[in-house]
């Protein structure tokens, strides 16, 4: 069974299938890459909670930066956010994002938390 949450005509923010959670790419507000990254990760936290998961259950993350020169600044926020010993598989690359003001987009795949 496939479950879609926060769905519009174009996309769903969350898709769940067989215990795996797929989040749409998250972008954030702010002027700096650090501000945008923190906002993205806050959105990821909220979506994971709604989907029945959390940071410790992230399987893979893909991060797109509009400029790889922002890699160190983005990583400072990322490293503080990821729980110790729970780093997911991750890729990071440079891409032209949907709007010029965007500096980072984060895509997450996670597992549902086991039901207790």
PDB file of N, CA and C in Angstrom:
ATOM      1  N   UNK A   1       0.835  -1.182   0.000  1.00  0.00           N
ATOM      2  CA  UNK A   1       0.000   0.000   0.000  1.00  0.00           C
ATOM      3  C   UNK A   1       0.879   1.244   0.000  1.00  0.00           C
ATOM      4  N   UNK A   2       0.487   2.222  -0.761  1.00  0.00           N
ATOM      5  CA  UNK A   2       1.187   3.504  -0.819  1.00  0.00           C
ATOM      6  C   UNK A   2       0.309   4.560  -0.160  1.00  0.00           C
ATOM      7  N   UNK A   3       0.903   5.320   0.765  1.00  0.00           N
ATOM      8  CA  UNK A   3       0.205   6.414   1.434  1.00  0.00           C
ATOM      9  C   UNK A   3       0.897   7.712   1.059  1.00  0.00           C
ATOM     10  N   UNK A   4       0.104   8.699   0.660  1.00  0.00           N
ATOM     11  CA  UNK A   4       0.629  10.021   0.289  1.00  0.00           C
ATOM     12  C   UNK A   4       0.055  11.059   1.247  1.00  0.00           C
ATOM     13  N   UNK A   5       0.925  11.904   1.801  1.00  0.00           N
ATOM     14  CA  UNK A   5       0.512  12.939   2.746  1.00  0.00           C
ATOM     15  C   UNK A   5       0.919  14.313   2.219  1.00  0.00           C
ATOM     16  N   UNK A   6       0.134  15.306   2.589  1.00  0.00           N
ATOM     17  CA  UNK A   6       0.363  16.681   2.137  1.00  0.00           C
ATOM     18  C   UNK A   6       0.504  16.701   0.607  1.00  0.00           C
ATOM     19  N   UNK A   7      -0.544  16.249  -0.032  1.00  0.00           N
ATOM     20  CA  UNK A   7      -0.545  16.075  -1.481  1.00  0.00           C
ATOM     21  C   UNK A   7      -1.190  17.262  -2.177  1.00  0.00           C
ATOM     22  N   UNK A   8      -0.593  17.663  -3.289  1.00  0.00           N
ATOM     23  CA  UNK A   8      -1.168  18.677  -4.176  1.00  0.00           C
ATOM     24  C   UNK A   8      -1.244  18.073  -5.574  1.00  0.00           C
ATOM     25  N   UNK A   9      -1.672  18.864  -6.541  1.00  0.00           N
ATOM     26  CA  UNK A   9      -1.735  18.370  -7.917  1.00  0.00           C
ATOM     27  C   UNK A   9      -0.352  17.994  -8.439  1.00  0.00           C
ATOM     28  N   UNK A  10       0.688  18.660  -7.949  1.00  0.00           N
ATOM     29  CA  UNK A  10       2.040  18.464  -8.472  1.00  0.00           C
ATOM     30  C   UNK A  10       2.834  17.401  -7.737  1.00  0.00           C
ATOM     31  N   UNK A  11       2.663  17.318  -6.407  1.00  0.00           N
ATOM     32  CA  UNK A  11       3.533  16.438  -5.630  1.00  0.00           C
ATOM     33  C   UNK A  11       2.964  16.168  -4.258  1.00  0.00           C
ATOM     34  N   UNK A  12       3.562  15.194  -3.583  1.00  0.00           N
ATOM     35  CA  UNK A  12       3.271  14.899  -2.184  1.00  0.00           C
ATOM     36  C   UNK A  12       4.525  15.206  -1.379  1.00  0.00           C
ATOM     37  N   UNK A  13       4.345  15.790  -0.215  1.00  0.00           N
ATOM     38  CA  UNK A  13       5.493  16.053   0.648  1.00  0.00           C
ATOM     39  C   UNK A  13       6.045  14.763   1.237  1.00  0.00           C
ATOM     40  N   UNK A  14       5.153  13.790   1.470  1.00  0.00           N
ATOM     41  CA  UNK A  14       5.533  12.508   2.065  1.00  0.00           C
ATOM     42  C   UNK A  14       4.880  11.384   1.269  1.00  0.00           C
ATOM     43  N   UNK A  15       5.661  10.370   0.935  1.00  0.00           N
ATOM     44  CA  UNK A  15       5.112   9.134   0.364  1.00  0.00           C
ATOM     45  C   UNK A  15       5.660   7.983   1.204  1.00  0.00           C
ATOM     46  N   UNK A  16       4.751   7.111   1.668  1.00  0.00           N
ATOM     47  CA  UNK A  16       5.139   5.960   2.482  1.00  0.00           C
ATOM     48  C   UNK A  16       4.799   4.684   1.724  1.00  0.00           C
ATOM     49  N   UNK A  17       5.756   3.743   1.736  1.00  0.00           N
ATOM     50  CA  UNK A  17       5.529   2.454   1.073  1.00  0.00           C
ATOM     51  C   UNK A  17       6.369   1.383   1.756  1.00  0.00           C
ATOM     52  N   UNK A  18       5.723   0.337   2.213  1.00  0.00           N
ATOM     53  CA  UNK A  18       6.414  -0.801   2.834  1.00  0.00           C
ATOM     54  C   UNK A  18       7.424  -0.391   3.903  1.00  0.00           C
ATOM     55  N   UNK A  19       7.054   0.538   4.761  1.00  0.00           N
ATOM     56  CA  UNK A  19       7.919   0.939   5.865  1.00  0.00           C
ATOM     57  C   UNK A  19       9.004   1.934   5.506  1.00  0.00           C
ATOM     58  N   UNK A  20       9.014   2.403   4.250  1.00  0.00           N
ATOM     59  CA  UNK A  20       9.989   3.401   3.820  1.00  0.00           C
ATOM     60  C   UNK A  20       9.273   4.718   3.570  1.00  0.00           C
ATOM     61  N   UNK A  21       9.896   5.805   3.984  1.00  0.00           N
ATOM     62  CA  UNK A  21       9.329   7.147   3.869  1.00  0.00           C
ATOM     63  C   UNK A  21      10.195   7.952   2.913  1.00  0.00           C
ATOM     64  N   UNK A  22       9.548   8.539   1.926  1.00  0.00           N
ATOM     65  CA  UNK A  22      10.223   9.377   0.936  1.00  0.00           C
ATOM     66  C   UNK A  22       9.717  10.806   1.118  1.00  0.00           C
ATOM     67  N   UNK A  23      10.629  11.731   1.375  1.00  0.00           N
ATOM     68  CA  UNK A  23      10.247  13.131   1.500  1.00  0.00           C
ATOM     69  C   UNK A  23      10.591  13.862   0.212  1.00  0.00           C
ATOM     70  N   UNK A  24       9.737  14.800  -0.165  1.00  0.00           N
ATOM     71  CA  UNK A  24      10.073  15.643  -1.310  1.00  0.00           C
ATOM     72  C   UNK A  24      11.253  16.541  -0.929  1.00  0.00           C
ATOM     73  N   UNK A  25      11.898  17.118  -1.909  1.00  0.00           N
ATOM     74  CA  UNK A  25      13.018  18.016  -1.646  1.00  0.00           C
ATOM     75  C   UNK A  25      12.558  19.200  -0.816  1.00  0.00           C
ATOM     76  N   UNK A  26      13.299  19.497   0.244  1.00  0.00           N
ATOM     77  CA  UNK A  26      12.961  20.601   1.140  1.00  0.00           C
ATOM     78  C   UNK A  26      13.922  21.762   0.929  1.00  0.00           C
ATOM     79  N   UNK A  27      13.364  22.945   0.805  1.00  0.00           N
ATOM     80  CA  UNK A  27      14.157  24.167   0.725  1.00  0.00           C
ATOM     81  C   UNK A  27      13.782  25.028   1.916  1.00  0.00           C
ATOM     82  N   UNK A  28      14.615  25.995   2.235  1.00  0.00           N
ATOM     83  CA  UNK A  28      14.365  26.807   3.419  1.00  0.00           C
ATOM     84  C   UNK A  28      14.447  28.286   3.148  1.00  0.00           C
ATOM     85  N   UNK A  29      14.022  29.034   4.137  1.00  0.00           N
ATOM     86  CA  UNK A  29      14.073  30.488   4.072  1.00  0.00           C
ATOM     87  C   UNK A  29      15.364  30.975   4.721  1.00  0.00           C
ATOM     88  N   UNK A  30      15.758  32.179   4.370  1.00  0.00           N
ATOM     89  CA  UNK A  30      16.940  32.804   4.955  1.00  0.00           C
ATOM     90  C   UNK A  30      17.877  33.316   3.889  1.00  0.00           C
ATOM     91  N   UNK A  31      18.797  34.151   4.303  1.00  0.00           N
ATOM     92  CA  UNK A  31      19.760  34.742   3.367  1.00  0.00           C
ATOM     93  C   UNK A  31      20.986  33.855   3.165  1.00  0.00           C
ATOM     94  N   UNK A  32      21.457  33.233   4.236  1.00  0.00           N
ATOM     95  CA  UNK A  32      22.694  32.453   4.156  1.00  0.00           C
ATOM     96  C   UNK A  32      22.389  30.981   3.951  1.00  0.00           C
ATOM     97  N   UNK A  33      23.392  30.237   3.516  1.00  0.00           N
ATOM     98  CA  UNK A  33      23.206  28.791   3.377  1.00  0.00           C
ATOM     99  C   UNK A  33      22.977  28.143   4.747  1.00  0.00           C
ATOM    100  N   UNK A  34      23.586  28.680   5.792  1.00  0.00           N
ATOM    101  CA  UNK A  34      23.373  28.148   7.136  1.00  0.00           C
ATOM    102  C   UNK A  34      21.915  28.327   7.555  1.00  0.00           C
ATOM    103  N   UNK A  35      21.348  29.497   7.323  1.00  0.00           N
ATOM    104  CA  UNK A  35      19.941  29.739   7.677  1.00  0.00           C
ATOM    105  C   UNK A  35      19.016  28.836   6.870  1.00  0.00           C
ATOM    106  N   UNK A  36      19.279  28.725   5.573  1.00  0.00           N
ATOM    107  CA  UNK A  36      18.434  27.890   4.728  1.00  0.00           C
ATOM    108  C   UNK A  36      18.558  26.418   5.106  1.00  0.00           C
ATOM    109  N   UNK A  37      19.762  25.973   5.424  1.00  0.00           N
ATOM    110  CA  UNK A  37      19.965  24.580   5.825  1.00  0.00           C
ATOM    111  C   UNK A  37      19.212  24.294   7.124  1.00  0.00           C
ATOM    112  N   UNK A  38      19.329  25.171   8.100  1.00  0.00           N
ATOM    113  CA  UNK A  38      18.633  24.978   9.379  1.00  0.00           C
ATOM    114  C   UNK A  38      17.123  24.917   9.168  1.00  0.00           C
ATOM    115  N   UNK A  39      16.596  25.781   8.293  1.00  0.00           N
ATOM    116  CA  UNK A  39      15.169  25.787   8.020  1.00  0.00           C
ATOM    117  C   UNK A  39      14.749  24.503   7.298  1.00  0.00           C
ATOM    118  N   UNK A  40      15.546  24.067   6.323  1.00  0.00           N
ATOM    119  CA  UNK A  40      15.270  22.794   5.632  1.00  0.00           C
ATOM    120  C   UNK A  40      15.187  21.657   6.631  1.00  0.00           C
ATOM    121  N   UNK A  41      16.156  21.576   7.522  1.00  0.00           N
ATOM    122  CA  UNK A  41      16.221  20.479   8.475  1.00  0.00           C
ATOM    123  C   UNK A  41      15.075  20.531   9.479  1.00  0.00           C
ATOM    124  N   UNK A  42      14.632  21.720   9.809  1.00  0.00           N
ATOM    125  CA  UNK A  42      13.459  21.863  10.659  1.00  0.00           C
ATOM    126  C   UNK A  42      12.219  21.312   9.952  1.00  0.00           C
ATOM    127  N   UNK A  43      12.116  21.570   8.656  1.00  0.00           N
ATOM    128  CA  UNK A  43      10.995  21.041   7.865  1.00  0.00           C
ATOM    129  C   UNK A  43      11.089  19.512   7.777  1.00  0.00           C
ATOM    130  N   UNK A  44      12.300  19.010   7.592  1.00  0.00           N
ATOM    131  CA  UNK A  44      12.503  17.558   7.551  1.00  0.00           C
ATOM    132  C   UNK A  44      12.055  16.931   8.873  1.00  0.00           C
ATOM    133  N   UNK A  45      12.445  17.536   9.997  1.00  0.00           N
ATOM    134  CA  UNK A  45      12.024  17.030  11.309  1.00  0.00           C
ATOM    135  C   UNK A  45      10.498  16.928  11.400  1.00  0.00           C
ATOM    136  N   UNK A  46       9.810  17.980  10.986  1.00  0.00           N
ATOM    137  CA  UNK A  46       8.344  18.006  11.069  1.00  0.00           C
ATOM    138  C   UNK A  46       7.721  16.940  10.168  1.00  0.00           C
ATOM    139  N   UNK A  47       8.232  16.788   8.960  1.00  0.00           N
ATOM    140  CA  UNK A  47       7.698  15.783   8.040  1.00  0.00           C
ATOM    141  C   UNK A  47       7.971  14.367   8.543  1.00  0.00           C
ATOM    142  N   UNK A  48       9.170  14.142   9.057  1.00  0.00           N
ATOM    143  CA  UNK A  48       9.478  12.818   9.598  1.00  0.00           C
ATOM    144  C   UNK A  48       8.557  12.476  10.760  1.00  0.00           C
ATOM    145  N   UNK A  49       8.309  13.427  11.641  1.00  0.00           N
ATOM    146  CA  UNK A  49       7.419  13.184  12.771  1.00  0.00           C
ATOM    147  C   UNK A  49       6.024  12.842  12.258  1.00  0.00           C
ATOM    148  N   UNK A  50       5.518  13.598  11.298  1.00  0.00           N
ATOM    149  CA  UNK A  50       4.193  13.327  10.742  1.00  0.00           C
ATOM    150  C   UNK A  50       4.125  11.927  10.116  1.00  0.00           C
ATOM    151  N   UNK A  51       5.237  11.498   9.528  1.00  0.00           N
ATOM    152  CA  UNK A  51       5.281  10.211   8.832  1.00  0.00           C
ATOM    153  C   UNK A  51       5.572   9.034   9.759  1.00  0.00           C
ATOM    154  N   UNK A  52       5.884   9.316  11.025  1.00  0.00           N
ATOM    155  CA  UNK A  52       6.167   8.234  11.968  1.00  0.00           C
ATOM    156  C   UNK A  52       7.634   7.845  12.014  1.00  0.00           C
ATOM    157  N   UNK A  53       8.511   8.829  11.867  1.00  0.00           N
ATOM    158  CA  UNK A  53       9.946   8.553  11.887  1.00  0.00           C
ATOM    159  C   UNK A  53      10.676   9.692  12.595  1.00  0.00           C
ATOM    160  N   UNK A  54      12.001   9.653  12.523  1.00  0.00           N
ATOM    161  CA  UNK A  54      12.821  10.704  13.109  1.00  0.00           C
ATOM    162  C   UNK A  54      14.232  10.649  12.509  1.00  0.00           C
ATOM    163  N   UNK A  55      15.093  11.522  12.970  1.00  0.00           N
ATOM    164  CA  UNK A  55      16.466  11.624  12.451  1.00  0.00           C
ATOM    165  C   UNK A  55      17.239  10.313  12.546  1.00  0.00           C
ATOM    166  N   UNK A  56      16.990   9.540  13.576  1.00  0.00           N
ATOM    167  CA  UNK A  56      17.739   8.302  13.781  1.00  0.00           C
ATOM    168  C   UNK A  56      17.355   7.207  12.790  1.00  0.00           C
ATOM    169  N   UNK A  57      16.313   7.430  12.023  1.00  0.00           N
ATOM    170  CA  UNK A  57      15.850   6.431  11.061  1.00  0.00           C
ATOM    171  C   UNK A  57      16.043   6.869   9.611  1.00  0.00           C
ATOM    172  N   UNK A  58      16.815   7.935   9.396  1.00  0.00           N
ATOM    173  CA  UNK A  58      17.094   8.371   8.028  1.00  0.00           C
ATOM    174  C   UNK A  58      18.054   7.376   7.387  1.00  0.00           C
ATOM    175  N   UNK A  59      17.704   6.920   6.208  1.00  0.00           N
ATOM    176  CA  UNK A  59      18.521   5.965   5.468  1.00  0.00           C
ATOM    177  C   UNK A  59      19.470   6.662   4.505  1.00  0.00           C
ATOM    178  N   UNK A  60      18.947   7.651   3.779  1.00  0.00           N
ATOM    179  CA  UNK A  60      19.742   8.328   2.754  1.00  0.00           C
ATOM    180  C   UNK A  60      19.300   9.782   2.632  1.00  0.00           C
ATOM    181  N   UNK A  61      20.267  10.621   2.346  1.00  0.00           N
ATOM    182  CA  UNK A  61      19.998  12.034   2.102  1.00  0.00           C
ATOM    183  C   UNK A  61      20.759  12.469   0.865  1.00  0.00           C
ATOM    184  N   UNK A  62      20.097  13.266   0.034  1.00  0.00           N
ATOM    185  CA  UNK A  62      20.750  13.908  -1.108  1.00  0.00           C
ATOM    186  C   UNK A  62      20.635  15.408  -0.871  1.00  0.00           C
ATOM    187  N   UNK A  63      21.770  16.085  -0.907  1.00  0.00           N
ATOM    188  CA  UNK A  63      21.806  17.533  -0.682  1.00  0.00           C
ATOM    189  C   UNK A  63      22.308  18.204  -1.950  1.00  0.00           C
ATOM    190  N   UNK A  64      21.526  19.151  -2.429  1.00  0.00           N
ATOM    191  CA  UNK A  64      21.943  19.962  -3.574  1.00  0.00           C
ATOM    192  C   UNK A  64      22.274  21.361  -3.093  1.00  0.00           C
ATOM    193  N   UNK A  65      23.429  21.843  -3.469  1.00  0.00           N
ATOM    194  CA  UNK A  65      23.846  23.215  -3.186  1.00  0.00           C
ATOM    195  C   UNK A  65      23.888  23.984  -4.503  1.00  0.00           C
ATOM    196  N   UNK A  66      23.493  25.237  -4.467  1.00  0.00           N
ATOM    197  CA  UNK A  66      23.592  26.044  -5.680  1.00  0.00           C
ATOM    198  C   UNK A  66      25.046  26.395  -5.979  1.00  0.00           C
ATOM    199  N   UNK A  67      25.907  26.311  -4.949  1.00  0.00           N
ATOM    200  CA  UNK A  67      27.329  26.610  -5.109  1.00  0.00           C
ATOM    201  C   UNK A  67      28.118  25.756  -4.114  1.00  0.00           C
ATOM    202  N   UNK A  68      28.996  24.901  -4.624  1.00  0.00           N
ATOM    203  CA  UNK A  68      29.771  24.022  -3.739  1.00  0.00           C
ATOM    204  C   UNK A  68      30.694  24.800  -2.808  1.00  0.00           C
ATOM    205  N   UNK A  69      30.883  26.072  -3.047  1.00  0.00           N
ATOM    206  CA  UNK A  69      31.656  26.904  -2.123  1.00  0.00           C
ATOM    207  C   UNK A  69      30.966  26.990  -0.763  1.00  0.00           C
ATOM    208  N   UNK A  70      29.666  26.654  -0.715  1.00  0.00           N
ATOM    209  CA  UNK A  70      28.898  26.685   0.535  1.00  0.00           C
ATOM    210  C   UNK A  70      28.943  25.362   1.302  1.00  0.00           C
ATOM    211  N   UNK A  71      29.729  24.403   0.821  1.00  0.00           N
ATOM    212  CA  UNK A  71      29.775  23.062   1.402  1.00  0.00           C
ATOM    213  C   UNK A  71      30.136  23.083   2.890  1.00  0.00           C
ATOM    214  N   UNK A  72      31.157  23.816   3.274  1.00  0.00           N
ATOM    215  CA  UNK A  72      31.611  23.847   4.674  1.00  0.00           C
ATOM    216  C   UNK A  72      30.542  24.478   5.567  1.00  0.00           C
ATOM    217  N   UNK A  73      29.939  25.564   5.110  1.00  0.00           N
ATOM    218  CA  UNK A  73      28.900  26.246   5.895  1.00  0.00           C
ATOM    219  C   UNK A  73      27.674  25.343   6.088  1.00  0.00           C
ATOM    220  N   UNK A  74      27.257  24.668   5.028  1.00  0.00           N
ATOM    221  CA  UNK A  74      26.122  23.748   5.124  1.00  0.00           C
ATOM    222  C   UNK A  74      26.458  22.606   6.076  1.00  0.00           C
ATOM    223  N   UNK A  75      27.669  22.036   5.956  1.00  0.00           N
ATOM    224  CA  UNK A  75      28.066  20.911   6.800  1.00  0.00           C
ATOM    225  C   UNK A  75      28.101  21.272   8.282  1.00  0.00           C
ATOM    226  N   UNK A  76      28.423  22.506   8.619  1.00  0.00           N
ATOM    227  CA  UNK A  76      28.442  22.912  10.027  1.00  0.00           C
ATOM    228  C   UNK A  76      27.045  22.753  10.639  1.00  0.00           C
ATOM    229  N   UNK A  77      26.023  23.115   9.884  1.00  0.00           N
ATOM    230  CA  UNK A  77      24.644  22.974  10.366  1.00  0.00           C
ATOM    231  C   UNK A  77      24.245  21.500  10.349  1.00  0.00           C
ATOM    232  N   UNK A  78      24.559  20.826   9.266  1.00  0.00           N
ATOM    233  CA  UNK A  78      24.227  19.400   9.125  1.00  0.00           C
ATOM    234  C   UNK A  78      24.837  18.577  10.252  1.00  0.00           C
ATOM    235  N   UNK A  79      26.132  18.774  10.503  1.00  0.00           N
ATOM    236  CA  UNK A  79      26.842  17.979  11.510  1.00  0.00           C
ATOM    237  C   UNK A  79      26.253  18.156  12.911  1.00  0.00           C
ATOM    238  N   UNK A  80      25.769  19.351  13.215  1.00  0.00           N
ATOM    239  CA  UNK A  80      25.152  19.602  14.519  1.00  0.00           C
ATOM    240  C   UNK A  80      23.753  18.969  14.608  1.00  0.00           C
ATOM    241  N   UNK A  81      23.122  18.739  13.468  1.00  0.00           N
ATOM    242  CA  UNK A  81      21.749  18.217  13.418  1.00  0.00           C
ATOM    243  C   UNK A  81      21.696  16.689  13.451  1.00  0.00           C
ATOM    244  N   UNK A  82      22.637  16.024  12.796  1.00  0.00           N
ATOM    245  CA  UNK A  82      22.607  14.564  12.699  1.00  0.00           C
ATOM    246  C   UNK A  82      23.001  13.950  14.046  1.00  0.00           C
ATOM    247  N   UNK A  83      22.169  13.048  14.577  1.00  0.00           N
ATOM    248  CA  UNK A  83      22.516  12.418  15.858  1.00  0.00           C
ATOM    249  C   UNK A  83      23.793  11.584  15.736  1.00  0.00           C
ATOM    250  N   UNK A  84      24.610  11.650  16.756  1.00  0.00           N
ATOM    251  CA  UNK A  84      25.858  10.870  16.793  1.00  0.00           C
ATOM    252  C   UNK A  84      25.554   9.396  16.546  1.00  0.00           C
ATOM    253  N   UNK A  85      26.327   8.769  15.697  1.00  0.00           N
ATOM    254  CA  UNK A  85      26.219   7.358  15.335  1.00  0.00           C
ATOM    255  C   UNK A  85      24.996   7.022  14.474  1.00  0.00           C
ATOM    256  N   UNK A  86      24.316   8.028  13.935  1.00  0.00           N
ATOM    257  CA  UNK A  86      23.153   7.782  13.086  1.00  0.00           C
ATOM    258  C   UNK A  86      23.260   8.496  11.740  1.00  0.00           C
ATOM    259  N   UNK A  87      24.478   8.743  11.267  1.00  0.00           N
ATOM    260  CA  UNK A  87      24.649   9.419   9.977  1.00  0.00           C
ATOM    261  C   UNK A  87      24.121   8.528   8.851  1.00  0.00           C
ATOM    262  N   UNK A  88      23.285   9.081   7.971  1.00  0.00           N
ATOM    263  CA  UNK A  88      22.755   8.299   6.854  1.00  0.00           C
ATOM    264  C   UNK A  88      23.749   8.236   5.700  1.00  0.00           C
ATOM    265  N   UNK A  89      23.463   7.372   4.736  1.00  0.00           N
ATOM    266  CA  UNK A  89      24.185   7.453   3.467  1.00  0.00           C
ATOM    267  C   UNK A  89      23.859   8.832   2.889  1.00  0.00           C
ATOM    268  N   UNK A  90      24.840   9.485   2.260  1.00  0.00           N
ATOM    269  CA  UNK A  90      24.606  10.858   1.827  1.00  0.00           C
ATOM    270  C   UNK A  90      25.364  11.165   0.553  1.00  0.00           C
ATOM    271  N   UNK A  91      24.735  11.969  -0.282  1.00  0.00           N
ATOM    272  CA  UNK A  91      25.390  12.519  -1.464  1.00  0.00           C
ATOM    273  C   UNK A  91      25.166  14.025  -1.434  1.00  0.00           C
ATOM    274  N   UNK A  92      26.128  14.759  -1.964  1.00  0.00           N
ATOM    275  CA  UNK A  92      26.004  16.212  -2.020  1.00  0.00           C
ATOM    276  C   UNK A  92      26.607  16.677  -3.337  1.00  0.00           C
ATOM    277  N   UNK A  93      25.863  17.503  -4.045  1.00  0.00           N
ATOM    278  CA  UNK A  93      26.350  18.009  -5.318  1.00  0.00           C
ATOM    279  C   UNK A  93      25.863  19.419  -5.565  1.00  0.00           C
ATOM    280  N   UNK A  94      26.304  19.958  -6.671  1.00  0.00           N
ATOM    281  CA  UNK A  94      25.927  21.316  -7.063  1.00  0.00           C
ATOM    282  C   UNK A  94      24.902  21.242  -8.181  1.00  0.00           C
ATOM    283  N   UNK A  95      23.868  22.092  -8.069  1.00  0.00           N
ATOM    284  CA  UNK A  95      22.818  22.114  -9.090  1.00  0.00           C
ATOM    285  C   UNK A  95      22.167  23.490  -9.120  1.00  0.00           C
ATOM    286  N   UNK A  96      21.622  23.837 -10.265  1.00  0.00           N
ATOM    287  CA  UNK A  96      20.811  25.040 -10.357  1.00  0.00           C
ATOM    288  C   UNK A  96      19.471  24.699  -9.712  1.00  0.00           C
ATOM    289  N   UNK A  97      19.102  25.452  -8.679  1.00  0.00           N
ATOM    290  CA  UNK A  97      17.867  25.172  -7.957  1.00  0.00           C
ATOM    291  C   UNK A  97      16.711  25.968  -8.568  1.00  0.00           C
ATOM    292  N   UNK A  98      15.495  25.703  -8.108  1.00  0.00           N
ATOM    293  CA  UNK A  98      14.279  26.231  -8.735  1.00  0.00           C
ATOM    294  C   UNK A  98      14.195  27.757  -8.759  1.00  0.00           C
ATOM    295  N   UNK A  99      14.749  28.409  -7.750  1.00  0.00           N
ATOM    296  CA  UNK A  99      14.751  29.883  -7.701  1.00  0.00           C
ATOM    297  C   UNK A  99      16.158  30.362  -7.372  1.00  0.00           C
ATOM    298  N   UNK A 100      16.515  31.511  -7.885  1.00  0.00           N
ATOM    299  CA  UNK A 100      17.864  32.043  -7.682  1.00  0.00           C
ATOM    300  C   UNK A 100      18.221  32.233  -6.211  1.00  0.00           C
ATOM    301  N   UNK A 101      17.243  32.554  -5.368  1.00  0.00           N
ATOM    302  CA  UNK A 101      17.511  32.808  -3.945  1.00  0.00           C
ATOM    303  C   UNK A 101      17.814  31.530  -3.168  1.00  0.00           C
ATOM    304  N   UNK A 102      17.475  30.376  -3.736  1.00  0.00           N
ATOM    305  CA  UNK A 102      17.701  29.117  -3.020  1.00  0.00           C
ATOM    306  C   UNK A 102      19.162  28.708  -3.077  1.00  0.00           C
ATOM    307  N   UNK A 103      19.679  28.298  -1.926  1.00  0.00           N
ATOM    308  CA  UNK A 103      21.078  27.893  -1.821  1.00  0.00           C
ATOM    309  C   UNK A 103      21.240  26.399  -1.526  1.00  0.00           C
ATOM    310  N   UNK A 104      20.186  25.770  -0.995  1.00  0.00           N
ATOM    311  CA  UNK A 104      20.273  24.360  -0.604  1.00  0.00           C
ATOM    312  C   UNK A 104      18.898  23.696  -0.739  1.00  0.00           C
ATOM    313  N   UNK A 105      18.922  22.423  -1.147  1.00  0.00           N
ATOM    314  CA  UNK A 105      17.728  21.586  -1.164  1.00  0.00           C
ATOM    315  C   UNK A 105      18.121  20.229  -0.607  1.00  0.00           C
ATOM    316  N   UNK A 106      17.285  19.690   0.277  1.00  0.00           N
ATOM    317  CA  UNK A 106      17.604  18.435   0.951  1.00  0.00           C
ATOM    318  C   UNK A 106      16.488  17.426   0.700  1.00  0.00           C
ATOM    319  N   UNK A 107      16.875  16.236   0.237  1.00  0.00           N
ATOM    320  CA  UNK A 107      15.949  15.149  -0.061  1.00  0.00           C
ATOM    321  C   UNK A 107      16.271  14.000   0.902  1.00  0.00           C
ATOM    322  N   UNK A 108      15.235  13.422   1.504  1.00  0.00           N
ATOM    323  CA  UNK A 108      15.436  12.416   2.545  1.00  0.00           C
ATOM    324  C   UNK A 108      14.606  11.167   2.265  1.00  0.00           C
ATOM    325  N   UNK A 109      15.221  10.021   2.512  1.00  0.00           N
ATOM    326  CA  UNK A 109      14.532   8.732   2.550  1.00  0.00           C
ATOM    327  C   UNK A 109      14.789   8.159   3.940  1.00  0.00           C
ATOM    328  N   UNK A 110      13.726   7.710   4.597  1.00  0.00           N
ATOM    329  CA  UNK A 110      13.851   7.205   5.969  1.00  0.00           C
ATOM    330  C   UNK A 110      13.007   5.951   6.153  1.00  0.00           C
ATOM    331  N   UNK A 111      13.297   5.255   7.209  1.00  0.00           N
ATOM    332  CA  UNK A 111      12.487   4.100   7.616  1.00  0.00           C
ATOM    333  C   UNK A 111      11.493   4.547   8.676  1.00  0.00           C
ATOM    334  N   UNK A 112      10.334   3.906   8.701  1.00  0.00           N
ATOM    335  CA  UNK A 112       9.398   4.162   9.782  1.00  0.00           C
ATOM    336  C   UNK A 112      10.000   3.652  11.087  1.00  0.00           C
ATOM    337  N   UNK A 113       9.697   4.314  12.178  1.00  0.00           N
ATOM    338  CA  UNK A 113      10.118   3.816  13.489  1.00  0.00           C
ATOM    339  C   UNK A 113       9.320   2.567  13.785  1.00  0.00           C
ATOM    340  N   UNK A 114       9.964   1.572  14.384  1.00  0.00           N
ATOM    341  CA  UNK A 114       9.229   0.355  14.762  1.00  0.00           C
ATOM    342  C   UNK A 114       8.109   0.689  15.740  1.00  0.00           C
ATOM    343  N   UNK A 115       6.997   0.036  15.576  1.00  0.00           N
ATOM    344  CA  UNK A 115       5.878   0.247  16.507  1.00  0.00           C
ATOM    345  C   UNK A 115       6.162  -0.547  17.768  1.00  0.00           C
ATOM    346  N   UNK A 116       5.947   0.106  18.917  1.00  0.00           N
ATOM    347  CA  UNK A 116       6.218  -0.559  20.199  1.00  0.00           C
ATOM    348  C   UNK A 116       4.958  -1.030  20.865  1.00  0.00           C
TER     349      UNK A 116
END
